[in-house]
Amino acid sequence: MSQGYIQFPNIDPVLVELGPISIRWYGLMYLVGFAFAMWLANRRADKPNSGWTREQVSDLLFAGFLGVVLGGRIGYVLFYGFDELLRDPLYLFKVWTGGMSFHGGLLGVITAMFWYGKKNGRTFFNVADFIAPLVPFGLGMGRLGNFMNSELWGRVTDVPWAIIFPNGGPFPRHPSQLYEFALEGVVLFLILNWFIKKPRPEGAVSGLFLLGYGTFRFLVEFVREPDAQLGLFGGFISMGQILSSPMIIIGALMIAWAYKVNGPKLQKVSK
């Protein structure tokens, strides 16, 4: 069954080792995503009448970074590794074993945005609408990191572009990491940054992010191999789909609410 399909290249997950310090592709991808978000946010803050300063951007992104890391780890342990946590309570702190959840990271970022907004006299949606268009690039980089790590691959398939991953058995699989890179990263980034070219009511941009990400993630989950411990309803519905469904509903409701309540008060998110 393996003949004629793409063999995954033998990519060392460690990019370079400097004594006891190892720089991994996965970590580098997140660093690139964060650096790009910082650059783009500063560029938009520098625009006349943006309503933001570079210092405010730095504080916001630092809080968001902490939200991603802490929320992502805690979310992964609660959503995907709770049994392991019950066996070993210290599992929560064993970050070197891997395991980050987007949905947990999202909750962490939402918490950080609430805190930042309250501290700086801004509404939650004013903060969320500024940061939402920055996020997809980092998501895309994270999916490239998953691909280079040969992890989170898709289900077995016979499509011509199927890939045989070294730790995925002898069977060709969907490169679902690349699907997510394209949809959650590239397409969502283009949609959001096209959307903010015109003034939008407060809450519409962040609502579109939730709707777009939730929809793309829900669709890709049909071809992504579900976690072994979380095959729900015969493996047809995954934990990722269960967690993404509220995002779709809440995102659509947020957009409708934004145009109904805040429609007359359009805000311009700096491009």
C-alpha atoms as a PDB file:
ATOM      1  CA  MET A   1       0.000   0.000   0.000  1.00  0.00           C
ATOM      2  CA  SER A   2       2.979   2.278   0.520  1.00  0.00           C
ATOM      3  CA  GLN A   3       4.143   2.280  -3.104  1.00  0.00           C
ATOM      4  CA  GLY A   4       3.575   5.466  -5.077  1.00  0.00           C
ATOM      5  CA  TYR A   5       2.970   7.691  -2.084  1.00  0.00           C
ATOM      6  CA  ILE A   6       5.140  10.428  -0.642  1.00  0.00           C
ATOM      7  CA  GLN A   7       7.643   9.305   1.969  1.00  0.00           C
ATOM      8  CA  PHE A   8       8.017  11.827   4.756  1.00  0.00           C
ATOM      9  CA  PRO A   9      11.613  13.104   4.869  1.00  0.00           C
ATOM     10  CA  ASN A  10      13.649  12.257   7.928  1.00  0.00           C
ATOM     11  CA  ILE A  11      13.560  15.703   9.583  1.00  0.00           C
ATOM     12  CA  ASP A  12      15.329  15.967  12.913  1.00  0.00           C
ATOM     13  CA  PRO A  13      12.955  17.807  15.273  1.00  0.00           C
ATOM     14  CA  VAL A  14      16.021  19.469  16.812  1.00  0.00           C
ATOM     15  CA  LEU A  15      17.271  22.252  14.551  1.00  0.00           C
ATOM     16  CA  VAL A  16      20.511  22.877  16.433  1.00  0.00           C
ATOM     17  CA  GLU A  17      22.059  21.948  19.757  1.00  0.00           C
ATOM     18  CA  LEU A  18      24.232  24.403  21.656  1.00  0.00           C
ATOM     19  CA  GLY A  19      25.563  22.471  24.622  1.00  0.00           C
ATOM     20  CA  PRO A  20      22.623  21.721  26.926  1.00  0.00           C
ATOM     21  CA  ILE A  21      20.337  23.986  24.885  1.00  0.00           C
ATOM     22  CA  SER A  22      18.304  22.515  22.024  1.00  0.00           C
ATOM     23  CA  ILE A  23      16.493  24.654  19.479  1.00  0.00           C
ATOM     24  CA  ARG A  24      13.589  22.703  18.006  1.00  0.00           C
ATOM     25  CA  TRP A  25      11.737  23.370  14.778  1.00  0.00           C
ATOM     26  CA  TYR A  26       8.439  23.475  16.666  1.00  0.00           C
ATOM     27  CA  GLY A  27       9.647  26.151  19.057  1.00  0.00           C
ATOM     28  CA  LEU A  28      11.224  28.109  16.217  1.00  0.00           C
ATOM     29  CA  MET A  29       7.930  28.172  14.325  1.00  0.00           C
ATOM     30  CA  TYR A  30       6.142  29.652  17.336  1.00  0.00           C
ATOM     31  CA  LEU A  31       8.929  32.205  17.744  1.00  0.00           C
ATOM     32  CA  VAL A  32       8.572  33.228  14.090  1.00  0.00           C
ATOM     33  CA  GLY A  33       4.804  33.569  14.538  1.00  0.00           C
ATOM     34  CA  PHE A  34       5.219  35.724  17.641  1.00  0.00           C
ATOM     35  CA  ALA A  35       7.887  37.910  15.974  1.00  0.00           C
ATOM     36  CA  PHE A  36       5.630  38.461  12.957  1.00  0.00           C
ATOM     37  CA  ALA A  37       2.690  39.387  15.201  1.00  0.00           C
ATOM     38  CA  MET A  38       4.896  41.892  17.032  1.00  0.00           C
ATOM     39  CA  TRP A  39       6.104  43.414  13.768  1.00  0.00           C
ATOM     40  CA  LEU A  40       2.621  43.699  12.265  1.00  0.00           C
ATOM     41  CA  ALA A  41       1.071  45.039  15.475  1.00  0.00           C
ATOM     42  CA  ASN A  42       3.772  47.712  15.798  1.00  0.00           C
ATOM     43  CA  ARG A  43       3.324  48.638  12.141  1.00  0.00           C
ATOM     44  CA  ARG A  44      -0.394  49.149  12.721  1.00  0.00           C
ATOM     45  CA  ALA A  45       0.164  51.016  15.981  1.00  0.00           C
ATOM     46  CA  ASP A  46       2.418  53.467  14.105  1.00  0.00           C
ATOM     47  CA  LYS A  47      -0.431  54.448  11.789  1.00  0.00           C
ATOM     48  CA  PRO A  48      -1.968  57.897  12.477  1.00  0.00           C
ATOM     49  CA  ASN A  49      -4.938  57.736  14.852  1.00  0.00           C
ATOM     50  CA  SER A  50      -4.487  54.016  15.418  1.00  0.00           C
ATOM     51  CA  GLY A  51      -5.351  54.375  19.094  1.00  0.00           C
ATOM     52  CA  TRP A  52      -2.361  52.198  20.036  1.00  0.00           C
ATOM     53  CA  THR A  53       1.264  52.782  20.992  1.00  0.00           C
ATOM     54  CA  ARG A  54       4.206  50.420  20.686  1.00  0.00           C
ATOM     55  CA  GLU A  55       4.427  50.162  24.474  1.00  0.00           C
ATOM     56  CA  GLN A  56       0.779  49.119  24.668  1.00  0.00           C
ATOM     57  CA  VAL A  57       1.339  46.568  21.905  1.00  0.00           C
ATOM     58  CA  SER A  58       4.328  45.120  23.752  1.00  0.00           C
ATOM     59  CA  ASP A  59       2.351  44.753  26.997  1.00  0.00           C
ATOM     60  CA  LEU A  60      -0.633  43.225  25.188  1.00  0.00           C
ATOM     61  CA  LEU A  61       1.388  40.669  23.240  1.00  0.00           C
ATOM     62  CA  PHE A  62       3.375  39.671  26.323  1.00  0.00           C
ATOM     63  CA  ALA A  63       0.126  39.035  28.200  1.00  0.00           C
ATOM     64  CA  GLY A  64      -1.206  37.145  25.179  1.00  0.00           C
ATOM     65  CA  PHE A  65       1.959  35.033  24.976  1.00  0.00           C
ATOM     66  CA  LEU A  66       1.583  34.003  28.615  1.00  0.00           C
ATOM     67  CA  GLY A  67      -2.061  33.204  27.950  1.00  0.00           C
ATOM     68  CA  VAL A  68      -1.135  30.969  25.012  1.00  0.00           C
ATOM     69  CA  VAL A  69       1.542  29.045  26.914  1.00  0.00           C
ATOM     70  CA  LEU A  70      -0.297  28.598  30.217  1.00  0.00           C
ATOM     71  CA  GLY A  71      -3.741  28.115  28.703  1.00  0.00           C
ATOM     72  CA  GLY A  72      -2.434  25.843  25.974  1.00  0.00           C
ATOM     73  CA  ARG A  73      -0.733  23.507  28.433  1.00  0.00           C
ATOM     74  CA  ILE A  74      -3.518  23.482  31.017  1.00  0.00           C
ATOM     75  CA  GLY A  75      -6.110  23.000  28.266  1.00  0.00           C
ATOM     76  CA  TYR A  76      -4.220  20.075  26.750  1.00  0.00           C
ATOM     77  CA  VAL A  77      -3.946  18.322  30.101  1.00  0.00           C
ATOM     78  CA  LEU A  78      -7.632  18.868  30.923  1.00  0.00           C
ATOM     79  CA  PHE A  79      -9.066  18.149  27.461  1.00  0.00           C
ATOM     80  CA  TYR A  80      -6.726  15.433  26.211  1.00  0.00           C
ATOM     81  CA  GLY A  81      -4.617  14.096  29.091  1.00  0.00           C
ATOM     82  CA  PHE A  82      -6.849  14.154  32.160  1.00  0.00           C
ATOM     83  CA  ASP A  83      -6.359  10.437  32.840  1.00  0.00           C
ATOM     84  CA  GLU A  84      -2.605  10.953  32.835  1.00  0.00           C
ATOM     85  CA  LEU A  85      -3.024  13.891  35.218  1.00  0.00           C
ATOM     86  CA  LEU A  86      -4.969  11.686  37.644  1.00  0.00           C
ATOM     87  CA  ARG A  87      -2.147   9.123  37.527  1.00  0.00           C
ATOM     88  CA  ASP A  88       0.586  11.743  37.860  1.00  0.00           C
ATOM     89  CA  PRO A  89      -0.388  15.233  39.095  1.00  0.00           C
ATOM     90  CA  LEU A  90       3.065  16.510  38.085  1.00  0.00           C
ATOM     91  CA  TYR A  91       2.188  15.725  34.452  1.00  0.00           C
ATOM     92  CA  LEU A  92       0.818  19.277  34.174  1.00  0.00           C
ATOM     93  CA  PHE A  93       4.341  20.643  34.535  1.00  0.00           C
ATOM     94  CA  LYS A  94       6.094  18.138  32.243  1.00  0.00           C
ATOM     95  CA  VAL A  95       6.006  20.456  29.241  1.00  0.00           C
ATOM     96  CA  TRP A  96       9.015  18.705  27.700  1.00  0.00           C
ATOM     97  CA  THR A  97       6.807  15.702  26.979  1.00  0.00           C
ATOM     98  CA  GLY A  98       4.799  17.855  24.527  1.00  0.00           C
ATOM     99  CA  GLY A  99       1.145  18.737  24.443  1.00  0.00           C
ATOM    100  CA  MET A 100      -0.491  22.098  23.737  1.00  0.00           C
ATOM    101  CA  SER A 101      -4.168  22.729  23.029  1.00  0.00           C
ATOM    102  CA  PHE A 102      -5.349  25.540  20.769  1.00  0.00           C
ATOM    103  CA  HIS A 103      -8.679  25.758  22.559  1.00  0.00           C
ATOM    104  CA  GLY A 104      -6.930  25.977  25.933  1.00  0.00           C
ATOM    105  CA  GLY A 105      -4.590  28.605  24.537  1.00  0.00           C
ATOM    106  CA  LEU A 106      -7.593  30.550  23.250  1.00  0.00           C
ATOM    107  CA  LEU A 107      -9.146  30.580  26.721  1.00  0.00           C
ATOM    108  CA  GLY A 108      -5.811  31.760  28.085  1.00  0.00           C
ATOM    109  CA  VAL A 109      -5.637  34.595  25.561  1.00  0.00           C
ATOM    110  CA  ILE A 110      -9.251  35.593  26.261  1.00  0.00           C
ATOM    111  CA  THR A 111      -8.382  35.807  29.963  1.00  0.00           C
ATOM    112  CA  ALA A 112      -5.314  37.908  29.147  1.00  0.00           C
ATOM    113  CA  MET A 113      -7.371  40.260  26.967  1.00  0.00           C
ATOM    114  CA  PHE A 114      -9.984  40.740  29.697  1.00  0.00           C
ATOM    115  CA  TRP A 115      -7.203  41.554  32.164  1.00  0.00           C
ATOM    116  CA  TYR A 116      -5.430  43.909  29.761  1.00  0.00           C
ATOM    117  CA  GLY A 117      -8.636  45.714  28.816  1.00  0.00           C
ATOM    118  CA  LYS A 118      -9.683  46.219  32.436  1.00  0.00           C
ATOM    119  CA  LYS A 119      -6.223  47.441  33.401  1.00  0.00           C
ATOM    120  CA  ASN A 120      -5.989  49.917  30.514  1.00  0.00           C
ATOM    121  CA  GLY A 121      -9.557  51.170  30.287  1.00  0.00           C
ATOM    122  CA  ARG A 122     -10.376  49.420  27.021  1.00  0.00           C
ATOM    123  CA  THR A 123     -13.343  47.246  26.187  1.00  0.00           C
ATOM    124  CA  PHE A 124     -12.698  43.557  25.686  1.00  0.00           C
ATOM    125  CA  PHE A 125     -13.785  43.688  22.042  1.00  0.00           C
ATOM    126  CA  ASN A 126     -11.550  46.682  21.309  1.00  0.00           C
ATOM    127  CA  VAL A 127      -8.585  44.567  22.416  1.00  0.00           C
ATOM    128  CA  ALA A 128      -9.829  41.373  20.764  1.00  0.00           C
ATOM    129  CA  ASP A 129     -10.487  43.057  17.408  1.00  0.00           C
ATOM    130  CA  PHE A 130      -6.935  44.424  17.360  1.00  0.00           C
ATOM    131  CA  ILE A 131      -5.284  41.111  18.145  1.00  0.00           C
ATOM    132  CA  ALA A 132      -7.483  38.708  16.137  1.00  0.00           C
ATOM    133  CA  PRO A 133      -6.016  39.501  12.667  1.00  0.00           C
ATOM    134  CA  LEU A 134      -2.511  38.850  14.034  1.00  0.00           C
ATOM    135  CA  VAL A 135      -3.211  35.327  15.270  1.00  0.00           C
ATOM    136  CA  PRO A 136      -3.642  33.170  12.109  1.00  0.00           C
ATOM    137  CA  PHE A 137      -0.032  33.594  10.977  1.00  0.00           C
ATOM    138  CA  GLY A 138       1.180  32.141  14.268  1.00  0.00           C
ATOM    139  CA  LEU A 139      -1.349  29.316  14.012  1.00  0.00           C
ATOM    140  CA  GLY A 140      -0.021  28.498  10.561  1.00  0.00           C
ATOM    141  CA  MET A 141       3.561  28.428  11.808  1.00  0.00           C
ATOM    142  CA  GLY A 142       2.512  26.093  14.607  1.00  0.00           C
ATOM    143  CA  ARG A 143       0.996  23.684  12.080  1.00  0.00           C
ATOM    144  CA  LEU A 144       4.218  23.700  10.082  1.00  0.00           C
ATOM    145  CA  GLY A 145       5.968  22.803  13.317  1.00  0.00           C
ATOM    146  CA  ASN A 146       3.549  19.883  13.770  1.00  0.00           C
ATOM    147  CA  PHE A 147       4.361  18.736  10.232  1.00  0.00           C
ATOM    148  CA  MET A 148       8.119  18.897  10.782  1.00  0.00           C
ATOM    149  CA  ASN A 149       7.677  16.952  14.016  1.00  0.00           C
ATOM    150  CA  SER A 150       5.726  14.296  12.099  1.00  0.00           C
ATOM    151  CA  GLU A 151       2.823  14.577  14.541  1.00  0.00           C
ATOM    152  CA  LEU A 152      -0.941  15.171  14.422  1.00  0.00           C
ATOM    153  CA  TRP A 153      -1.139  13.563  11.003  1.00  0.00           C
ATOM    154  CA  GLY A 154      -4.373  12.624   9.292  1.00  0.00           C
ATOM    155  CA  ARG A 155      -6.342   9.473   8.702  1.00  0.00           C
ATOM    156  CA  VAL A 156      -5.311   6.726   6.317  1.00  0.00           C
ATOM    157  CA  THR A 157      -6.181   7.629   2.713  1.00  0.00           C
ATOM    158  CA  ASP A 158      -5.371   6.843  -0.901  1.00  0.00           C
ATOM    159  CA  VAL A 159      -5.319  10.421  -2.240  1.00  0.00           C
ATOM    160  CA  PRO A 160      -2.310  11.042  -4.532  1.00  0.00           C
ATOM    161  CA  TRP A 161      -0.718  13.522  -2.125  1.00  0.00           C
ATOM    162  CA  ALA A 162      -0.919  11.162   0.868  1.00  0.00           C
ATOM    163  CA  ILE A 163       2.223  10.975   2.994  1.00  0.00           C
ATOM    164  CA  ILE A 164       3.714   8.031   4.873  1.00  0.00           C
ATOM    165  CA  PHE A 165       4.848   9.421   8.216  1.00  0.00           C
ATOM    166  CA  PRO A 166       7.650   7.536  10.013  1.00  0.00           C
ATOM    167  CA  ASN A 167       5.699   7.288  13.280  1.00  0.00           C
ATOM    168  CA  GLY A 168       2.315   6.847  11.625  1.00  0.00           C
ATOM    169  CA  GLY A 169       2.733   3.236  10.558  1.00  0.00           C
ATOM    170  CA  PRO A 170       3.230   1.952   7.002  1.00  0.00           C
ATOM    171  CA  PHE A 171       0.035   3.532   5.681  1.00  0.00           C
ATOM    172  CA  PRO A 172      -0.339   6.742   3.630  1.00  0.00           C
ATOM    173  CA  ARG A 173      -2.152   9.477   5.506  1.00  0.00           C
ATOM    174  CA  HIS A 174      -3.688  12.880   4.934  1.00  0.00           C
ATOM    175  CA  PRO A 175      -1.136  15.643   5.674  1.00  0.00           C
ATOM    176  CA  SER A 176      -3.754  17.300   7.868  1.00  0.00           C
ATOM    177  CA  GLN A 177      -1.151  19.612   9.392  1.00  0.00           C
ATOM    178  CA  LEU A 178      -0.716  21.220   5.953  1.00  0.00           C
ATOM    179  CA  TYR A 179      -4.484  21.503   5.505  1.00  0.00           C
ATOM    180  CA  GLU A 180      -4.649  23.371   8.791  1.00  0.00           C
ATOM    181  CA  PHE A 181      -1.661  25.516   7.812  1.00  0.00           C
ATOM    182  CA  ALA A 182      -3.481  26.519   4.634  1.00  0.00           C
ATOM    183  CA  LEU A 183      -6.926  27.103   6.170  1.00  0.00           C
ATOM    184  CA  GLU A 184      -6.274  28.237   9.750  1.00  0.00           C
ATOM    185  CA  GLY A 185      -3.109  30.060   8.778  1.00  0.00           C
ATOM    186  CA  VAL A 186      -3.091  31.454   5.253  1.00  0.00           C
ATOM    187  CA  VAL A 187      -6.798  31.645   4.338  1.00  0.00           C
ATOM    188  CA  LEU A 188      -7.979  32.919   7.734  1.00  0.00           C
ATOM    189  CA  PHE A 189      -5.186  35.507   7.797  1.00  0.00           C
ATOM    190  CA  LEU A 190      -6.204  36.797   4.363  1.00  0.00           C
ATOM    191  CA  ILE A 191      -9.916  36.884   5.256  1.00  0.00           C
ATOM    192  CA  LEU A 192      -9.417  38.818   8.503  1.00  0.00           C
ATOM    193  CA  ASN A 193      -6.925  41.282   7.078  1.00  0.00           C
ATOM    194  CA  TRP A 194      -9.218  41.922   4.111  1.00  0.00           C
ATOM    195  CA  PHE A 195     -12.136  42.382   6.511  1.00  0.00           C
ATOM    196  CA  ILE A 196     -10.417  45.130   8.525  1.00  0.00           C
ATOM    197  CA  LYS A 197      -9.721  47.252   5.458  1.00  0.00           C
ATOM    198  CA  LYS A 198     -13.072  48.947   6.166  1.00  0.00           C
ATOM    199  CA  PRO A 199     -14.417  50.163   9.521  1.00  0.00           C
ATOM    200  CA  ARG A 200     -16.321  47.403  11.332  1.00  0.00           C
ATOM    201  CA  PRO A 201     -18.519  47.450  14.447  1.00  0.00           C
ATOM    202  CA  GLU A 202     -16.747  46.492  17.643  1.00  0.00           C
ATOM    203  CA  GLY A 203     -16.785  42.737  18.101  1.00  0.00           C
ATOM    204  CA  ALA A 204     -17.228  41.842  14.416  1.00  0.00           C
ATOM    205  CA  VAL A 205     -13.545  41.128  13.717  1.00  0.00           C
ATOM    206  CA  SER A 206     -13.054  38.843  16.706  1.00  0.00           C
ATOM    207  CA  GLY A 207     -16.394  37.188  15.929  1.00  0.00           C
ATOM    208  CA  LEU A 208     -15.235  36.460  12.392  1.00  0.00           C
ATOM    209  CA  PHE A 209     -12.038  34.934  13.779  1.00  0.00           C
ATOM    210  CA  LEU A 210     -13.999  32.529  15.986  1.00  0.00           C
ATOM    211  CA  LEU A 211     -16.370  31.643  13.170  1.00  0.00           C
ATOM    212  CA  GLY A 212     -13.572  31.133  10.638  1.00  0.00           C
ATOM    213  CA  TYR A 213     -11.234  29.132  12.847  1.00  0.00           C
ATOM    214  CA  GLY A 214     -14.026  26.995  14.280  1.00  0.00           C
ATOM    215  CA  THR A 215     -15.332  26.163  10.803  1.00  0.00           C
ATOM    216  CA  PHE A 216     -11.927  25.326   9.337  1.00  0.00           C
ATOM    217  CA  ARG A 217     -10.890  23.230  12.338  1.00  0.00           C
ATOM    218  CA  PHE A 218     -14.223  21.372  12.356  1.00  0.00           C
ATOM    219  CA  LEU A 219     -13.821  20.457   8.673  1.00  0.00           C
ATOM    220  CA  VAL A 220     -10.191  19.343   8.915  1.00  0.00           C
ATOM    221  CA  GLU A 221     -11.009  17.125  11.884  1.00  0.00           C
ATOM    222  CA  PHE A 222     -12.884  14.802   9.496  1.00  0.00           C
ATOM    223  CA  VAL A 223      -9.540  13.799   7.949  1.00  0.00           C
ATOM    224  CA  ARG A 224      -7.338  14.196  11.026  1.00  0.00           C
ATOM    225  CA  GLU A 225      -6.495  11.124  13.072  1.00  0.00           C
ATOM    226  CA  PRO A 226      -8.327  11.533  16.407  1.00  0.00           C
ATOM    227  CA  ASP A 227      -6.423  11.074  19.645  1.00  0.00           C
ATOM    228  CA  ALA A 228      -6.389   7.396  20.551  1.00  0.00           C
ATOM    229  CA  GLN A 229      -8.018   8.048  23.906  1.00  0.00           C
ATOM    230  CA  LEU A 230     -10.706  10.313  22.469  1.00  0.00           C
ATOM    231  CA  GLY A 231     -12.373   8.513  19.595  1.00  0.00           C
ATOM    232  CA  LEU A 232     -15.973   9.602  20.095  1.00  0.00           C
ATOM    233  CA  PHE A 233     -19.007   8.067  18.386  1.00  0.00           C
ATOM    234  CA  GLY A 234     -16.902   5.482  16.630  1.00  0.00           C
ATOM    235  CA  GLY A 235     -14.199   8.018  15.787  1.00  0.00           C
ATOM    236  CA  PHE A 236     -16.537  10.106  13.598  1.00  0.00           C
ATOM    237  CA  ILE A 237     -16.776  13.044  15.999  1.00  0.00           C
ATOM    238  CA  SER A 238     -13.547  14.227  17.607  1.00  0.00           C
ATOM    239  CA  MET A 239     -12.785  16.291  20.677  1.00  0.00           C
ATOM    240  CA  GLY A 240     -11.531  19.023  18.333  1.00  0.00           C
ATOM    241  CA  GLN A 241     -14.974  19.209  16.713  1.00  0.00           C
ATOM    242  CA  ILE A 242     -16.752  19.280  20.051  1.00  0.00           C
ATOM    243  CA  LEU A 243     -14.546  22.164  21.182  1.00  0.00           C
ATOM    244  CA  SER A 244     -14.850  23.995  17.834  1.00  0.00           C
ATOM    245  CA  SER A 245     -18.651  23.856  17.606  1.00  0.00           C
ATOM    246  CA  PRO A 246     -19.211  26.531  20.295  1.00  0.00           C
ATOM    247  CA  MET A 247     -16.672  28.740  18.504  1.00  0.00           C
ATOM    248  CA  ILE A 248     -18.751  28.627  15.325  1.00  0.00           C
ATOM    249  CA  ILE A 249     -21.989  29.436  17.147  1.00  0.00           C
ATOM    250  CA  ILE A 250     -20.493  32.144  19.373  1.00  0.00           C
ATOM    251  CA  GLY A 251     -18.624  33.705  16.443  1.00  0.00           C
ATOM    252  CA  ALA A 252     -21.786  33.956  14.325  1.00  0.00           C
ATOM    253  CA  LEU A 253     -23.754  35.405  17.253  1.00  0.00           C
ATOM    254  CA  MET A 254     -20.979  37.921  17.941  1.00  0.00           C
ATOM    255  CA  ILE A 255     -21.044  39.177  14.349  1.00  0.00           C
ATOM    256  CA  ALA A 256     -24.836  39.517  14.386  1.00  0.00           C
ATOM    257  CA  TRP A 257     -24.718  41.274  17.778  1.00  0.00           C
ATOM    258  CA  ALA A 258     -21.925  43.598  16.646  1.00  0.00           C
ATOM    259  CA  TYR A 259     -23.822  44.823  13.592  1.00  0.00           C
ATOM    260  CA  LYS A 260     -27.105  45.135  15.459  1.00  0.00           C
ATOM    261  CA  VAL A 261     -25.824  46.878  18.595  1.00  0.00           C
ATOM    262  CA  ASN A 262     -22.584  48.522  17.506  1.00  0.00           C
ATOM    263  CA  GLY A 263     -23.314  48.956  13.810  1.00  0.00           C
ATOM    264  CA  PRO A 264     -23.729  52.745  14.028  1.00  0.00           C
ATOM    265  CA  LYS A 265     -20.407  53.029  15.916  1.00  0.00           C
ATOM    266  CA  LEU A 266     -17.963  51.601  13.399  1.00  0.00           C
ATOM    267  CA  GLN A 267     -14.344  51.222  14.472  1.00  0.00           C
ATOM    268  CA  LYS A 268     -11.384  51.070  12.156  1.00  0.00           C
ATOM    269  CA  VAL A 269      -8.730  48.484  12.951  1.00  0.00           C
ATOM    270  CA  SER A 270      -5.459  49.835  11.574  1.00  0.00           C
ATOM    271  CA  LYS A 271      -4.157  47.922   8.589  1.00  0.00           C
END
